[in-house]
Amino acid sequence: MTTRTVRDAMTKETISVREDARLGDAARLLDTYGISGMPVVDRDGRLVGVLSQTDLLRARAIDHVWRTPPCLVVRHLMSAPPITASESMPLDDAATLMEERQIHRLVVVAEDGHTPVGVLSVSDLVHEMIRR
């Protein structure tokens, strides 16, 4: 039996957000696409972090932070540095990494180590478990 890799289970249509995007715009992206987190990239499309619904919820819970002028942007709330995986990483290793780091998604990066090419989420792993 062939070992399944991250490439086999990841979501390839990656929705990302720029690090200088307003928080409301990031929240709308998550809502529009029905996702719980996304890669954060810089102007050159290089991965710099991850933004999740939980990050936004923490900011929303502190109401004055949410109402702060537009100087508060995604880079202020994102988790960085991002925890990543390569497409060739075995799925079992990716699942172990997610469990150890207590995270819900890994950004899958290209060979350069900086360009997002996909996301492996807990949902993707559950779908893979059902498939097995």
N, C-alpha and C. Protein backbone atom coordinates (compact mmCIF):
# COMPACT_ATOMS: atom_id res chain seq x y z
N MET A 1 0.83 -1.18 0.00
CA MET A 1 0.00 0.00 0.00
C MET A 1 0.88 1.25 0.00
N THR A 2 0.56 2.20 -0.86
CA THR A 2 1.33 3.43 -0.98
C THR A 2 1.00 4.38 0.16
N THR A 3 2.02 5.01 0.70
CA THR A 3 1.81 5.99 1.76
C THR A 3 1.17 7.24 1.16
N ARG A 4 0.05 7.65 1.73
CA ARG A 4 -0.64 8.85 1.26
C ARG A 4 0.11 10.08 1.78
N THR A 5 0.15 11.10 0.96
CA THR A 5 0.88 12.32 1.31
C THR A 5 -0.08 13.50 1.44
N VAL A 6 0.44 14.58 1.93
CA VAL A 6 -0.32 15.82 2.07
C VAL A 6 -0.94 16.20 0.72
N ARG A 7 -0.20 16.05 -0.36
CA ARG A 7 -0.69 16.38 -1.70
C ARG A 7 -2.00 15.66 -2.02
N ASP A 8 -2.15 14.43 -1.52
CA ASP A 8 -3.33 13.61 -1.80
C ASP A 8 -4.59 14.12 -1.11
N ALA A 9 -4.45 14.83 0.00
CA ALA A 9 -5.61 15.22 0.80
C ALA A 9 -5.82 16.72 0.94
N MET A 10 -4.83 17.51 0.60
CA MET A 10 -4.92 18.96 0.83
C MET A 10 -5.96 19.63 -0.08
N THR A 11 -6.41 20.77 0.36
CA THR A 11 -7.28 21.61 -0.46
C THR A 11 -6.37 22.51 -1.29
N LYS A 12 -6.51 22.43 -2.59
CA LYS A 12 -5.60 23.16 -3.48
C LYS A 12 -6.05 24.58 -3.78
N GLU A 13 -7.34 24.83 -3.71
CA GLU A 13 -7.85 26.18 -4.00
C GLU A 13 -7.68 27.02 -2.74
N THR A 14 -6.51 27.61 -2.58
CA THR A 14 -6.19 28.34 -1.35
C THR A 14 -6.67 29.78 -1.42
N ILE A 15 -7.42 30.18 -0.42
CA ILE A 15 -7.83 31.57 -0.25
C ILE A 15 -6.86 32.17 0.75
N SER A 16 -6.18 33.22 0.37
CA SER A 16 -5.24 33.86 1.29
C SER A 16 -5.61 35.33 1.45
N VAL A 17 -5.00 35.97 2.42
CA VAL A 17 -5.25 37.37 2.72
C VAL A 17 -3.91 38.06 2.88
N ARG A 18 -3.85 39.31 2.47
CA ARG A 18 -2.62 40.09 2.62
C ARG A 18 -2.46 40.52 4.08
N GLU A 19 -1.25 40.62 4.51
CA GLU A 19 -0.96 40.99 5.90
C GLU A 19 -1.41 42.40 6.24
N ASP A 20 -1.59 43.25 5.24
CA ASP A 20 -2.02 44.63 5.50
C ASP A 20 -3.52 44.83 5.30
N ALA A 21 -4.28 43.73 5.14
CA ALA A 21 -5.73 43.81 4.97
C ALA A 21 -6.41 44.17 6.29
N ARG A 22 -7.52 44.89 6.19
CA ARG A 22 -8.30 45.24 7.38
C ARG A 22 -8.95 43.97 7.95
N LEU A 23 -9.18 43.97 9.25
CA LEU A 23 -9.75 42.80 9.91
C LEU A 23 -11.14 42.47 9.38
N GLY A 24 -11.96 43.48 9.13
CA GLY A 24 -13.29 43.23 8.60
C GLY A 24 -13.25 42.56 7.24
N ASP A 25 -12.30 42.96 6.41
CA ASP A 25 -12.15 42.34 5.10
C ASP A 25 -11.74 40.87 5.24
N ALA A 26 -10.86 40.58 6.17
CA ALA A 26 -10.44 39.20 6.41
C ALA A 26 -11.62 38.36 6.91
N ALA A 27 -12.40 38.93 7.81
CA ALA A 27 -13.58 38.21 8.34
C ALA A 27 -14.56 37.90 7.22
N ARG A 28 -14.75 38.85 6.31
CA ARG A 28 -15.66 38.62 5.17
C ARG A 28 -15.15 37.50 4.27
N LEU A 29 -13.84 37.43 4.06
CA LEU A 29 -13.28 36.34 3.25
C LEU A 29 -13.57 34.98 3.89
N LEU A 30 -13.33 34.88 5.19
CA LEU A 30 -13.60 33.62 5.88
C LEU A 30 -15.07 33.24 5.74
N ASP A 31 -15.95 34.22 5.92
CA ASP A 31 -17.38 33.96 5.83
C ASP A 31 -17.82 33.61 4.41
N THR A 32 -17.37 34.37 3.45
CA THR A 32 -17.75 34.16 2.05
C THR A 32 -17.36 32.77 1.56
N TYR A 33 -16.17 32.32 1.92
CA TYR A 33 -15.68 31.04 1.42
C TYR A 33 -15.95 29.88 2.38
N GLY A 34 -16.57 30.17 3.53
CA GLY A 34 -16.90 29.12 4.48
C GLY A 34 -15.69 28.38 5.01
N ILE A 35 -14.63 29.13 5.29
CA ILE A 35 -13.41 28.53 5.81
C ILE A 35 -13.13 29.07 7.21
N SER A 36 -12.32 28.35 7.96
CA SER A 36 -12.06 28.75 9.34
C SER A 36 -10.69 29.38 9.53
N GLY A 37 -9.89 29.40 8.49
CA GLY A 37 -8.57 30.00 8.57
C GLY A 37 -7.96 30.08 7.19
N MET A 38 -6.91 30.91 7.08
CA MET A 38 -6.27 31.07 5.78
C MET A 38 -4.85 31.57 5.92
N PRO A 39 -4.03 31.30 4.91
CA PRO A 39 -2.66 31.80 4.90
C PRO A 39 -2.66 33.33 4.78
N VAL A 40 -1.66 33.93 5.39
CA VAL A 40 -1.44 35.37 5.27
C VAL A 40 -0.16 35.56 4.47
N VAL A 41 -0.23 36.40 3.44
CA VAL A 41 0.92 36.62 2.57
C VAL A 41 1.31 38.09 2.55
N ASP A 42 2.56 38.33 2.17
CA ASP A 42 3.02 39.71 2.03
C ASP A 42 2.75 40.19 0.60
N ARG A 43 3.23 41.35 0.26
CA ARG A 43 2.98 41.93 -1.07
C ARG A 43 3.49 41.06 -2.21
N ASP A 44 4.52 40.26 -1.93
CA ASP A 44 5.11 39.41 -2.96
C ASP A 44 4.51 38.01 -3.00
N GLY A 45 3.46 37.78 -2.19
CA GLY A 45 2.81 36.47 -2.16
C GLY A 45 3.54 35.44 -1.32
N ARG A 46 4.50 35.88 -0.52
CA ARG A 46 5.26 34.99 0.37
C ARG A 46 4.49 34.80 1.68
N LEU A 47 4.44 33.58 2.13
CA LEU A 47 3.73 33.23 3.35
C LEU A 47 4.41 33.88 4.56
N VAL A 48 3.60 34.57 5.39
CA VAL A 48 4.14 35.21 6.60
C VAL A 48 3.39 34.80 7.87
N GLY A 49 2.22 34.16 7.72
CA GLY A 49 1.45 33.78 8.90
C GLY A 49 0.17 33.07 8.52
N VAL A 50 -0.67 32.86 9.54
CA VAL A 50 -1.98 32.23 9.35
C VAL A 50 -2.97 33.01 10.20
N LEU A 51 -4.14 33.25 9.65
CA LEU A 51 -5.21 33.93 10.37
C LEU A 51 -6.38 32.97 10.49
N SER A 52 -6.92 32.83 11.71
CA SER A 52 -8.05 31.93 11.93
C SER A 52 -9.24 32.68 12.50
N GLN A 53 -10.38 32.02 12.47
CA GLN A 53 -11.57 32.58 13.10
C GLN A 53 -11.30 32.84 14.58
N THR A 54 -10.55 31.97 15.21
CA THR A 54 -10.24 32.15 16.63
C THR A 54 -9.46 33.43 16.86
N ASP A 55 -8.52 33.75 15.97
CA ASP A 55 -7.77 35.00 16.10
C ASP A 55 -8.72 36.20 16.05
N LEU A 56 -9.66 36.16 15.11
CA LEU A 56 -10.62 37.25 14.98
C LEU A 56 -11.57 37.30 16.17
N LEU A 57 -11.96 36.14 16.66
CA LEU A 57 -12.86 36.09 17.82
C LEU A 57 -12.21 36.70 19.05
N ARG A 58 -10.93 36.42 19.23
CA ARG A 58 -10.21 37.01 20.37
C ARG A 58 -10.23 38.53 20.28
N ALA A 59 -10.01 39.07 19.09
CA ALA A 59 -10.02 40.52 18.91
C ALA A 59 -11.43 41.07 19.13
N ARG A 60 -12.42 40.36 18.66
CA ARG A 60 -13.81 40.81 18.80
C ARG A 60 -14.25 40.80 20.26
N ALA A 61 -13.72 39.85 21.02
CA ALA A 61 -14.07 39.77 22.44
C ALA A 61 -13.60 41.01 23.21
N ILE A 62 -12.54 41.61 22.71
CA ILE A 62 -12.04 42.85 23.31
C ILE A 62 -12.56 43.97 22.40
N ASP A 63 -13.78 44.38 22.64
CA ASP A 63 -14.52 45.26 21.73
C ASP A 63 -13.73 46.49 21.30
N HIS A 64 -12.99 47.09 22.18
CA HIS A 64 -12.26 48.30 21.80
C HIS A 64 -11.20 48.01 20.73
N VAL A 65 -10.67 46.78 20.72
CA VAL A 65 -9.69 46.41 19.68
C VAL A 65 -10.38 46.37 18.32
N TRP A 66 -11.59 45.81 18.28
CA TRP A 66 -12.32 45.69 17.01
C TRP A 66 -12.66 47.06 16.44
N ARG A 67 -12.91 48.01 17.30
CA ARG A 67 -13.29 49.36 16.85
C ARG A 67 -12.10 50.27 16.59
N THR A 68 -10.91 49.77 16.79
CA THR A 68 -9.70 50.55 16.58
C THR A 68 -9.65 51.04 15.14
N PRO A 69 -9.09 52.20 14.93
CA PRO A 69 -8.94 52.70 13.55
C PRO A 69 -8.23 51.68 12.65
N PRO A 70 -8.28 51.92 11.35
CA PRO A 70 -7.74 50.95 10.39
C PRO A 70 -6.27 50.61 10.55
N CYS A 71 -5.59 51.20 11.52
CA CYS A 71 -4.18 50.85 11.70
C CYS A 71 -4.02 49.41 12.20
N LEU A 72 -5.08 48.82 12.76
CA LEU A 72 -5.03 47.42 13.19
C LEU A 72 -5.41 46.55 11.99
N VAL A 73 -4.46 45.74 11.55
CA VAL A 73 -4.66 44.91 10.36
C VAL A 73 -4.31 43.46 10.66
N VAL A 74 -4.46 42.62 9.67
CA VAL A 74 -4.27 41.18 9.81
C VAL A 74 -2.94 40.83 10.46
N ARG A 75 -1.86 41.48 10.10
CA ARG A 75 -0.55 41.12 10.64
C ARG A 75 -0.50 41.26 12.18
N HIS A 76 -1.39 42.08 12.74
CA HIS A 76 -1.41 42.26 14.19
C HIS A 76 -2.06 41.08 14.93
N LEU A 77 -2.87 40.30 14.25
CA LEU A 77 -3.58 39.18 14.89
C LEU A 77 -3.12 37.80 14.43
N MET A 78 -2.46 37.74 13.29
CA MET A 78 -2.11 36.44 12.72
C MET A 78 -1.14 35.68 13.61
N SER A 79 -1.14 34.36 13.43
CA SER A 79 -0.16 33.51 14.10
C SER A 79 1.07 33.43 13.20
N ALA A 80 2.22 33.71 13.78
CA ALA A 80 3.46 33.69 13.01
C ALA A 80 4.59 33.23 13.93
N PRO A 81 5.54 32.53 13.39
CA PRO A 81 5.63 32.08 12.00
C PRO A 81 4.64 30.95 11.75
N PRO A 82 4.24 30.80 10.49
CA PRO A 82 3.28 29.74 10.17
C PRO A 82 3.92 28.36 10.26
N ILE A 83 3.11 27.39 10.63
CA ILE A 83 3.57 26.00 10.65
C ILE A 83 3.16 25.41 9.31
N THR A 84 4.13 24.88 8.60
CA THR A 84 3.90 24.47 7.21
C THR A 84 4.19 22.98 7.01
N ALA A 85 3.78 22.54 5.84
CA ALA A 85 4.07 21.17 5.40
C ALA A 85 4.44 21.22 3.93
N SER A 86 5.20 20.23 3.51
CA SER A 86 5.48 20.07 2.08
C SER A 86 4.43 19.14 1.50
N GLU A 87 4.26 19.19 0.20
CA GLU A 87 3.30 18.31 -0.47
C GLU A 87 3.66 16.84 -0.31
N SER A 88 4.94 16.56 -0.15
CA SER A 88 5.40 15.17 -0.07
C SER A 88 5.39 14.59 1.35
N MET A 89 5.04 15.40 2.34
CA MET A 89 5.01 14.92 3.73
C MET A 89 3.94 13.83 3.85
N PRO A 90 4.26 12.71 4.51
CA PRO A 90 3.24 11.69 4.74
C PRO A 90 2.09 12.25 5.58
N LEU A 91 0.87 11.86 5.26
CA LEU A 91 -0.30 12.36 5.98
C LEU A 91 -0.23 12.07 7.47
N ASP A 92 0.26 10.90 7.84
CA ASP A 92 0.37 10.56 9.26
C ASP A 92 1.30 11.53 9.98
N ASP A 93 2.38 11.94 9.33
CA ASP A 93 3.30 12.91 9.93
C ASP A 93 2.63 14.27 10.07
N ALA A 94 1.86 14.66 9.07
CA ALA A 94 1.15 15.93 9.12
C ALA A 94 0.13 15.94 10.26
N ALA A 95 -0.60 14.84 10.40
CA ALA A 95 -1.59 14.73 11.48
C ALA A 95 -0.91 14.80 12.84
N THR A 96 0.23 14.14 12.97
CA THR A 96 0.98 14.18 14.23
C THR A 96 1.44 15.60 14.54
N LEU A 97 1.95 16.30 13.54
CA LEU A 97 2.40 17.68 13.71
C LEU A 97 1.24 18.58 14.17
N MET A 98 0.09 18.42 13.55
CA MET A 98 -1.08 19.22 13.92
C MET A 98 -1.49 18.93 15.36
N GLU A 99 -1.44 17.67 15.76
CA GLU A 99 -1.80 17.29 17.13
C GLU A 99 -0.79 17.86 18.12
N GLU A 100 0.49 17.70 17.82
CA GLU A 100 1.53 18.19 18.73
C GLU A 100 1.47 19.71 18.91
N ARG A 101 1.21 20.41 17.83
CA ARG A 101 1.19 21.88 17.89
C ARG A 101 -0.19 22.43 18.22
N GLN A 102 -1.18 21.54 18.33
CA GLN A 102 -2.57 21.90 18.64
C GLN A 102 -3.09 22.97 17.67
N ILE A 103 -2.97 22.66 16.38
CA ILE A 103 -3.46 23.55 15.34
C ILE A 103 -4.45 22.81 14.45
N HIS A 104 -5.25 23.58 13.72
CA HIS A 104 -6.31 23.00 12.89
C HIS A 104 -5.98 22.98 11.40
N ARG A 105 -4.85 23.56 11.04
CA ARG A 105 -4.49 23.56 9.63
C ARG A 105 -2.99 23.75 9.46
N LEU A 106 -2.49 23.19 8.38
CA LEU A 106 -1.10 23.41 7.95
C LEU A 106 -1.15 24.07 6.58
N VAL A 107 -0.36 25.09 6.39
CA VAL A 107 -0.24 25.67 5.07
C VAL A 107 0.77 24.83 4.31
N VAL A 108 0.39 24.40 3.13
CA VAL A 108 1.27 23.59 2.30
C VAL A 108 2.02 24.55 1.38
N VAL A 109 3.34 24.45 1.40
CA VAL A 109 4.17 25.38 0.64
C VAL A 109 4.90 24.68 -0.50
N ALA A 110 5.21 25.47 -1.52
CA ALA A 110 5.97 24.99 -2.68
C ALA A 110 7.41 24.69 -2.26
N GLU A 111 8.17 24.19 -3.17
CA GLU A 111 9.58 23.85 -2.92
C GLU A 111 10.37 25.02 -2.35
N ASP A 112 9.99 26.26 -2.69
CA ASP A 112 10.72 27.43 -2.19
C ASP A 112 10.50 27.67 -0.70
N GLY A 113 9.51 26.98 -0.11
CA GLY A 113 9.25 27.11 1.31
C GLY A 113 8.48 28.35 1.70
N HIS A 114 8.07 29.16 0.72
CA HIS A 114 7.40 30.43 1.02
C HIS A 114 6.10 30.67 0.26
N THR A 115 5.86 29.91 -0.80
CA THR A 115 4.68 30.13 -1.62
C THR A 115 3.60 29.12 -1.26
N PRO A 116 2.44 29.60 -0.76
CA PRO A 116 1.36 28.67 -0.42
C PRO A 116 0.79 28.00 -1.67
N VAL A 117 0.63 26.67 -1.60
CA VAL A 117 0.04 25.94 -2.73
C VAL A 117 -1.19 25.16 -2.29
N GLY A 118 -1.48 25.19 -0.99
CA GLY A 118 -2.64 24.48 -0.49
C GLY A 118 -2.73 24.60 1.02
N VAL A 119 -3.78 24.00 1.55
CA VAL A 119 -3.98 23.96 3.00
C VAL A 119 -4.46 22.55 3.35
N LEU A 120 -3.89 21.99 4.39
CA LEU A 120 -4.35 20.72 4.92
C LEU A 120 -5.02 21.03 6.25
N SER A 121 -6.32 20.77 6.32
CA SER A 121 -7.08 21.09 7.53
C SER A 121 -7.50 19.80 8.23
N VAL A 122 -7.99 19.98 9.44
CA VAL A 122 -8.54 18.84 10.18
C VAL A 122 -9.66 18.20 9.37
N SER A 123 -10.48 19.02 8.71
CA SER A 123 -11.56 18.48 7.86
C SER A 123 -11.01 17.59 6.75
N ASP A 124 -9.91 18.01 6.15
CA ASP A 124 -9.28 17.19 5.11
C ASP A 124 -8.84 15.84 5.68
N LEU A 125 -8.31 15.86 6.89
CA LEU A 125 -7.88 14.60 7.52
C LEU A 125 -9.06 13.70 7.84
N VAL A 126 -10.17 14.29 8.28
CA VAL A 126 -11.37 13.50 8.55
C VAL A 126 -11.88 12.86 7.26
N HIS A 127 -11.92 13.63 6.18
CA HIS A 127 -12.33 13.07 4.87
C HIS A 127 -11.42 11.91 4.47
N GLU A 128 -10.15 12.07 4.73
CA GLU A 128 -9.18 11.01 4.40
C GLU A 128 -9.43 9.76 5.25
N MET A 129 -9.75 9.95 6.53
CA MET A 129 -10.06 8.82 7.41
C MET A 129 -11.28 8.05 6.89
N ILE A 130 -12.28 8.76 6.45
CA ILE A 130 -13.50 8.13 5.92
C ILE A 130 -13.15 7.36 4.65
N ARG A 131 -12.31 7.95 3.82
CA ARG A 131 -11.90 7.33 2.56
C ARG A 131 -11.17 6.01 2.79
N ARG A 132 -10.40 5.93 3.84
CA ARG A 132 -9.63 4.72 4.15
C ARG A 132 -10.57 3.63 4.56
